[in-house]
Amino acid sequence: MLELLTIGRRNVDEVWVATDLDDSPVVAEIVDVARSRRITVNEVSRKRLDAEATSEAPQGVIARAAP
């Protein structure tokens, strides 16, 4: 996720972060980078994030990005 945000080859529309990851330094860095690039960051429940994820094992953060 951090690579997606920092390299900038694909447009990222928004980032979703599970609310139970608040204390993670990696997640904090992802949120900081996203906000610095003016990408909307939404805090959502883990259940909602898992329902929206396209992988079987999301790690608490997903991005909606251009293909």
PDB file of N, CA and C in Angstrom:
ATOM      1  N   MET A   1       0.814  -1.183   0.000  1.00  0.00           N
ATOM      2  CA  MET A   1       0.000   0.000   0.000  1.00  0.00           C
ATOM      3  C   MET A   1       0.863   1.255   0.000  1.00  0.00           C
ATOM      4  N   LEU A   2       1.899   1.258   0.817  1.00  0.00           N
ATOM      5  CA  LEU A   2       2.761   2.434   0.898  1.00  0.00           C
ATOM      6  C   LEU A   2       3.430   2.707  -0.444  1.00  0.00           C
ATOM      7  N   GLU A   3       3.842   1.644  -1.130  1.00  0.00           N
ATOM      8  CA  GLU A   3       4.427   1.803  -2.474  1.00  0.00           C
ATOM      9  C   GLU A   3       3.432   2.420  -3.437  1.00  0.00           C
ATOM     10  N   LEU A   4       2.206   1.947  -3.412  1.00  0.00           N
ATOM     11  CA  LEU A   4       1.159   2.476  -4.282  1.00  0.00           C
ATOM     12  C   LEU A   4       1.022   3.977  -4.088  1.00  0.00           C
ATOM     13  N   LEU A   5       1.058   4.412  -2.845  1.00  0.00           N
ATOM     14  CA  LEU A   5       0.886   5.831  -2.547  1.00  0.00           C
ATOM     15  C   LEU A   5       2.126   6.660  -2.883  1.00  0.00           C
ATOM     16  N   THR A   6       3.298   6.139  -2.631  1.00  0.00           N
ATOM     17  CA  THR A   6       4.509   6.937  -2.817  1.00  0.00           C
ATOM     18  C   THR A   6       4.988   6.980  -4.257  1.00  0.00           C
ATOM     19  N   ILE A   7       4.830   5.895  -4.996  1.00  0.00           N
ATOM     20  CA  ILE A   7       5.289   5.879  -6.388  1.00  0.00           C
ATOM     21  C   ILE A   7       4.386   6.715  -7.275  1.00  0.00           C
ATOM     22  N   GLY A   8       3.087   6.647  -7.067  1.00  0.00           N
ATOM     23  CA  GLY A   8       2.150   7.509  -7.768  1.00  0.00           C
ATOM     24  C   GLY A   8       1.889   7.164  -9.221  1.00  0.00           C
ATOM     25  N   ARG A   9       2.109   5.923  -9.610  1.00  0.00           N
ATOM     26  CA  ARG A   9       1.818   5.539 -11.000  1.00  0.00           C
ATOM     27  C   ARG A   9       0.327   5.391 -11.271  1.00  0.00           C
ATOM     28  N   ARG A  10      -0.417   5.077 -10.222  1.00  0.00           N
ATOM     29  CA  ARG A  10      -1.864   4.926 -10.368  1.00  0.00           C
ATOM     30  C   ARG A  10      -2.551   5.927  -9.460  1.00  0.00           C
ATOM     31  N   ASN A  11      -3.638   6.490  -9.953  1.00  0.00           N
ATOM     32  CA  ASN A  11      -4.417   7.418  -9.133  1.00  0.00           C
ATOM     33  C   ASN A  11      -5.148   6.652  -8.047  1.00  0.00           C
ATOM     34  N   VAL A  12      -5.020   7.116  -6.834  1.00  0.00           N
ATOM     35  CA  VAL A  12      -5.725   6.522  -5.708  1.00  0.00           C
ATOM     36  C   VAL A  12      -6.841   7.479  -5.317  1.00  0.00           C
ATOM     37  N   ASP A  13      -8.071   6.966  -5.313  1.00  0.00           N
ATOM     38  CA  ASP A  13      -9.233   7.792  -4.986  1.00  0.00           C
ATOM     39  C   ASP A  13      -9.450   7.907  -3.485  1.00  0.00           C
ATOM     40  N   GLU A  14      -9.279   6.799  -2.776  1.00  0.00           N
ATOM     41  CA  GLU A  14      -9.487   6.818  -1.342  1.00  0.00           C
ATOM     42  C   GLU A  14      -8.802   5.632  -0.697  1.00  0.00           C
ATOM     43  N   VAL A  15      -8.557   5.778   0.598  1.00  0.00           N
ATOM     44  CA  VAL A  15      -7.966   4.715   1.405  1.00  0.00           C
ATOM     45  C   VAL A  15      -8.924   4.425   2.544  1.00  0.00           C
ATOM     46  N   TRP A  16      -9.143   3.148   2.811  1.00  0.00           N
ATOM     47  CA  TRP A  16      -9.958   2.726   3.940  1.00  0.00           C
ATOM     48  C   TRP A  16      -9.044   2.072   4.966  1.00  0.00           C
ATOM     49  N   VAL A  17      -9.236   2.444   6.221  1.00  0.00           N
ATOM     50  CA  VAL A  17      -8.433   1.901   7.313  1.00  0.00           C
ATOM     51  C   VAL A  17      -9.379   1.344   8.365  1.00  0.00           C
ATOM     52  N   ALA A  18      -9.110   0.128   8.811  1.00  0.00           N
ATOM     53  CA  ALA A  18      -9.926  -0.461   9.871  1.00  0.00           C
ATOM     54  C   ALA A  18      -9.676   0.287  11.180  1.00  0.00           C
ATOM     55  N   THR A  19     -10.735   0.555  11.904  1.00  0.00           N
ATOM     56  CA  THR A  19     -10.622   1.341  13.136  1.00  0.00           C
ATOM     57  C   THR A  19      -9.808   0.637  14.215  1.00  0.00           C
ATOM     58  N   ASP A  20      -9.639  -0.671  14.132  1.00  0.00           N
ATOM     59  CA  ASP A  20      -8.879  -1.382  15.165  1.00  0.00           C
ATOM     60  C   ASP A  20      -7.374  -1.326  14.949  1.00  0.00           C
ATOM     61  N   LEU A  21      -6.901  -0.558  13.966  1.00  0.00           N
ATOM     62  CA  LEU A  21      -5.467  -0.458  13.682  1.00  0.00           C
ATOM     63  C   LEU A  21      -4.877   0.888  14.080  1.00  0.00           C
ATOM     64  N   ASP A  22      -5.526   1.618  14.930  1.00  0.00           N
ATOM     65  CA  ASP A  22      -5.113   2.976  15.266  1.00  0.00           C
ATOM     66  C   ASP A  22      -3.681   3.096  15.770  1.00  0.00           C
ATOM     67  N   ASP A  23      -3.165   2.116  16.482  1.00  0.00           N
ATOM     68  CA  ASP A  23      -1.851   2.234  17.094  1.00  0.00           C
ATOM     69  C   ASP A  23      -0.714   1.715  16.221  1.00  0.00           C
ATOM     70  N   SER A  24      -1.001   1.285  15.023  1.00  0.00           N
ATOM     71  CA  SER A  24       0.027   0.728  14.150  1.00  0.00           C
ATOM     72  C   SER A  24       0.851   1.840  13.502  1.00  0.00           C
ATOM     73  N   PRO A  25       2.185   1.836  13.684  1.00  0.00           N
ATOM     74  CA  PRO A  25       3.020   2.866  13.061  1.00  0.00           C
ATOM     75  C   PRO A  25       2.999   2.799  11.531  1.00  0.00           C
ATOM     76  N   VAL A  26       2.863   1.610  10.989  1.00  0.00           N
ATOM     77  CA  VAL A  26       2.816   1.461   9.530  1.00  0.00           C
ATOM     78  C   VAL A  26       1.539   2.093   8.988  1.00  0.00           C
ATOM     79  N   VAL A  27       0.435   1.841   9.655  1.00  0.00           N
ATOM     80  CA  VAL A  27      -0.834   2.420   9.237  1.00  0.00           C
ATOM     81  C   VAL A  27      -0.788   3.937   9.383  1.00  0.00           C
ATOM     82  N   ALA A  28      -0.182   4.418  10.439  1.00  0.00           N
ATOM     83  CA  ALA A  28      -0.051   5.870  10.625  1.00  0.00           C
ATOM     84  C   ALA A  28       0.733   6.494   9.481  1.00  0.00           C
ATOM     85  N   GLU A  29       1.769   5.811   9.019  1.00  0.00           N
ATOM     86  CA  GLU A  29       2.555   6.324   7.885  1.00  0.00           C
ATOM     87  C   GLU A  29       1.728   6.319   6.607  1.00  0.00           C
ATOM     88  N   ILE A  30       0.965   5.265   6.386  1.00  0.00           N
ATOM     89  CA  ILE A  30       0.091   5.189   5.207  1.00  0.00           C
ATOM     90  C   ILE A  30      -0.913   6.340   5.233  1.00  0.00           C
ATOM     91  N   VAL A  31      -1.518   6.574   6.373  1.00  0.00           N
ATOM     92  CA  VAL A  31      -2.503   7.658   6.511  1.00  0.00           C
ATOM     93  C   VAL A  31      -1.836   9.010   6.269  1.00  0.00           C
ATOM     94  N   ASP A  32      -0.650   9.220   6.818  1.00  0.00           N
ATOM     95  CA  ASP A  32       0.069  10.486   6.625  1.00  0.00           C
ATOM     96  C   ASP A  32       0.388  10.732   5.154  1.00  0.00           C
ATOM     97  N   VAL A  33       0.883   9.702   4.474  1.00  0.00           N
ATOM     98  CA  VAL A  33       1.218   9.848   3.050  1.00  0.00           C
ATOM     99  C   VAL A  33      -0.038  10.111   2.240  1.00  0.00           C
ATOM    100  N   ALA A  34      -1.108   9.375   2.518  1.00  0.00           N
ATOM    101  CA  ALA A  34      -2.363   9.571   1.786  1.00  0.00           C
ATOM    102  C   ALA A  34      -2.879  10.990   1.975  1.00  0.00           C
ATOM    103  N   ARG A  35      -2.882  11.455   3.203  1.00  0.00           N
ATOM    104  CA  ARG A  35      -3.385  12.811   3.461  1.00  0.00           C
ATOM    105  C   ARG A  35      -2.492  13.869   2.833  1.00  0.00           C
ATOM    106  N   SER A  36      -1.185  13.638   2.805  1.00  0.00           N
ATOM    107  CA  SER A  36      -0.283  14.607   2.177  1.00  0.00           C
ATOM    108  C   SER A  36      -0.509  14.686   0.675  1.00  0.00           C
ATOM    109  N   ARG A  37      -1.028  13.596   0.094  1.00  0.00           N
ATOM    110  CA  ARG A  37      -1.350  13.596  -1.339  1.00  0.00           C
ATOM    111  C   ARG A  37      -2.807  13.962  -1.584  1.00  0.00           C
ATOM    112  N   ARG A  38      -3.480  14.395  -0.531  1.00  0.00           N
ATOM    113  CA  ARG A  38      -4.886  14.810  -0.575  1.00  0.00           C
ATOM    114  C   ARG A  38      -5.826  13.689  -1.010  1.00  0.00           C
ATOM    115  N   ILE A  39      -5.539  12.507  -0.527  1.00  0.00           N
ATOM    116  CA  ILE A  39      -6.377  11.338  -0.768  1.00  0.00           C
ATOM    117  C   ILE A  39      -7.283  11.174   0.450  1.00  0.00           C
ATOM    118  N   THR A  40      -8.552  10.945   0.192  1.00  0.00           N
ATOM    119  CA  THR A  40      -9.520  10.761   1.263  1.00  0.00           C
ATOM    120  C   THR A  40      -9.187   9.495   2.046  1.00  0.00           C
ATOM    121  N   VAL A  41      -9.144   9.614   3.371  1.00  0.00           N
ATOM    122  CA  VAL A  41      -8.914   8.471   4.250  1.00  0.00           C
ATOM    123  C   VAL A  41     -10.174   8.259   5.079  1.00  0.00           C
ATOM    124  N   ASN A  42     -10.750   7.076   4.975  1.00  0.00           N
ATOM    125  CA  ASN A  42     -11.964   6.730   5.711  1.00  0.00           C
ATOM    126  C   ASN A  42     -11.653   5.656   6.742  1.00  0.00           C
ATOM    127  N   GLU A  43     -12.033   5.893   7.979  1.00  0.00           N
ATOM    128  CA  GLU A  43     -11.914   4.874   9.016  1.00  0.00           C
ATOM    129  C   GLU A  43     -13.232   4.102   9.054  1.00  0.00           C
ATOM    130  N   VAL A  44     -13.140   2.805   8.873  1.00  0.00           N
ATOM    131  CA  VAL A  44     -14.332   1.956   8.819  1.00  0.00           C
ATOM    132  C   VAL A  44     -14.138   0.751   9.736  1.00  0.00           C
ATOM    133  N   SER A  45     -15.234   0.101  10.048  1.00  0.00           N
ATOM    134  CA  SER A  45     -15.143  -1.095  10.885  1.00  0.00           C
ATOM    135  C   SER A  45     -14.414  -2.203  10.126  1.00  0.00           C
ATOM    136  N   ARG A  46     -13.818  -3.093  10.855  1.00  0.00           N
ATOM    137  CA  ARG A  46     -13.118  -4.229  10.234  1.00  0.00           C
ATOM    138  C   ARG A  46     -14.092  -5.049   9.400  1.00  0.00           C
ATOM    139  N   LYS A  47     -15.309  -5.214   9.879  1.00  0.00           N
ATOM    140  CA  LYS A  47     -16.310  -5.999   9.149  1.00  0.00           C
ATOM    141  C   LYS A  47     -16.609  -5.367   7.790  1.00  0.00           C
ATOM    142  N   ARG A  48     -16.769  -4.061   7.764  1.00  0.00           N
ATOM    143  CA  ARG A  48     -17.051  -3.378   6.493  1.00  0.00           C
ATOM    144  C   ARG A  48     -15.856  -3.453   5.554  1.00  0.00           C
ATOM    145  N   LEU A  49     -14.658  -3.250   6.098  1.00  0.00           N
ATOM    146  CA  LEU A  49     -13.452  -3.316   5.277  1.00  0.00           C
ATOM    147  C   LEU A  49     -13.293  -4.709   4.678  1.00  0.00           C
ATOM    148  N   ASP A  50     -13.452  -5.734   5.496  1.00  0.00           N
ATOM    149  CA  ASP A  50     -13.336  -7.109   5.007  1.00  0.00           C
ATOM    150  C   ASP A  50     -14.358  -7.412   3.916  1.00  0.00           C
ATOM    151  N   ALA A  51     -15.558  -6.852   4.042  1.00  0.00           N
ATOM    152  CA  ALA A  51     -16.606  -7.079   3.040  1.00  0.00           C
ATOM    153  C   ALA A  51     -16.255  -6.416   1.706  1.00  0.00           C
ATOM    154  N   GLU A  52     -15.539  -5.304   1.738  1.00  0.00           N
ATOM    155  CA  GLU A  52     -15.183  -4.575   0.523  1.00  0.00           C
ATOM    156  C   GLU A  52     -13.883  -5.058  -0.121  1.00  0.00           C
ATOM    157  N   ALA A  53     -13.057  -5.743   0.641  1.00  0.00           N
ATOM    158  CA  ALA A  53     -11.746  -6.173   0.144  1.00  0.00           C
ATOM    159  C   ALA A  53     -11.892  -7.234  -0.940  1.00  0.00           C
ATOM    160  N   THR A  54     -10.975  -7.207  -1.896  1.00  0.00           N
ATOM    161  CA  THR A  54     -11.003  -8.204  -2.973  1.00  0.00           C
ATOM    162  C   THR A  54     -10.075  -9.379  -2.688  1.00  0.00           C
ATOM    163  N   SER A  55      -9.261  -9.273  -1.657  1.00  0.00           N
ATOM    164  CA  SER A  55      -8.401 -10.397  -1.291  1.00  0.00           C
ATOM    165  C   SER A  55      -9.043 -11.160  -0.133  1.00  0.00           C
ATOM    166  N   GLU A  56      -8.580 -12.373   0.074  1.00  0.00           N
ATOM    167  CA  GLU A  56      -9.149 -13.181   1.139  1.00  0.00           C
ATOM    168  C   GLU A  56      -8.585 -12.818   2.503  1.00  0.00           C
ATOM    169  N   ALA A  57      -7.471 -12.106   2.539  1.00  0.00           N
ATOM    170  CA  ALA A  57      -6.839 -11.773   3.817  1.00  0.00           C
ATOM    171  C   ALA A  57      -6.392 -10.310   3.846  1.00  0.00           C
ATOM    172  N   PRO A  58      -7.339  -9.378   3.835  1.00  0.00           N
ATOM    173  CA  PRO A  58      -6.936  -7.976   3.917  1.00  0.00           C
ATOM    174  C   PRO A  58      -6.259  -7.711   5.254  1.00  0.00           C
ATOM    175  N   GLN A  59      -5.346  -6.775   5.276  1.00  0.00           N
ATOM    176  CA  GLN A  59      -4.575  -6.519   6.486  1.00  0.00           C
ATOM    177  C   GLN A  59      -5.025  -5.242   7.195  1.00  0.00           C
ATOM    178  N   GLY A  60      -6.247  -4.832   6.945  1.00  0.00           N
ATOM    179  CA  GLY A  60      -6.795  -3.697   7.649  1.00  0.00           C
ATOM    180  C   GLY A  60      -6.731  -2.387   6.892  1.00  0.00           C
ATOM    181  N   VAL A  61      -6.184  -2.421   5.680  1.00  0.00           N
ATOM    182  CA  VAL A  61      -6.095  -1.208   4.856  1.00  0.00           C
ATOM    183  C   VAL A  61      -6.372  -1.598   3.414  1.00  0.00           C
ATOM    184  N   ILE A  62      -7.261  -0.858   2.761  1.00  0.00           N
ATOM    185  CA  ILE A  62      -7.476  -1.062   1.322  1.00  0.00           C
ATOM    186  C   ILE A  62      -7.494   0.308   0.629  1.00  0.00           C
ATOM    187  N   ALA A  63      -7.216   0.281  -0.648  1.00  0.00           N
ATOM    188  CA  ALA A  63      -7.242   1.510  -1.442  1.00  0.00           C
ATOM    189  C   ALA A  63      -8.119   1.286  -2.659  1.00  0.00           C
ATOM    190  N   ARG A  64      -8.803   2.317  -3.033  1.00  0.00           N
ATOM    191  CA  ARG A  64      -9.539   2.313  -4.306  1.00  0.00           C
ATOM    192  C   ARG A  64      -8.669   3.092  -5.269  1.00  0.00           C
ATOM    193  N   ALA A  65      -8.149   2.372  -6.266  1.00  0.00           N
ATOM    194  CA  ALA A  65      -7.189   2.969  -7.190  1.00  0.00           C
ATOM    195  C   ALA A  65      -7.535   2.616  -8.625  1.00  0.00           C
ATOM    196  N   ALA A  66      -6.989   3.408  -9.533  1.00  0.00           N
ATOM    197  CA  ALA A  66      -7.163   3.125 -10.962  1.00  0.00           C
ATOM    198  C   ALA A  66      -6.473   1.807 -11.286  1.00  0.00           C
ATOM    199  N   PRO A  67      -7.006   1.084 -12.270  1.00  0.00           N
ATOM    200  CA  PRO A  67      -6.380  -0.208 -12.645  1.00  0.00           C
ATOM    201  C   PRO A  67      -4.985   0.002 -13.209  1.00  0.00           C
TER     202      PRO A  67
END
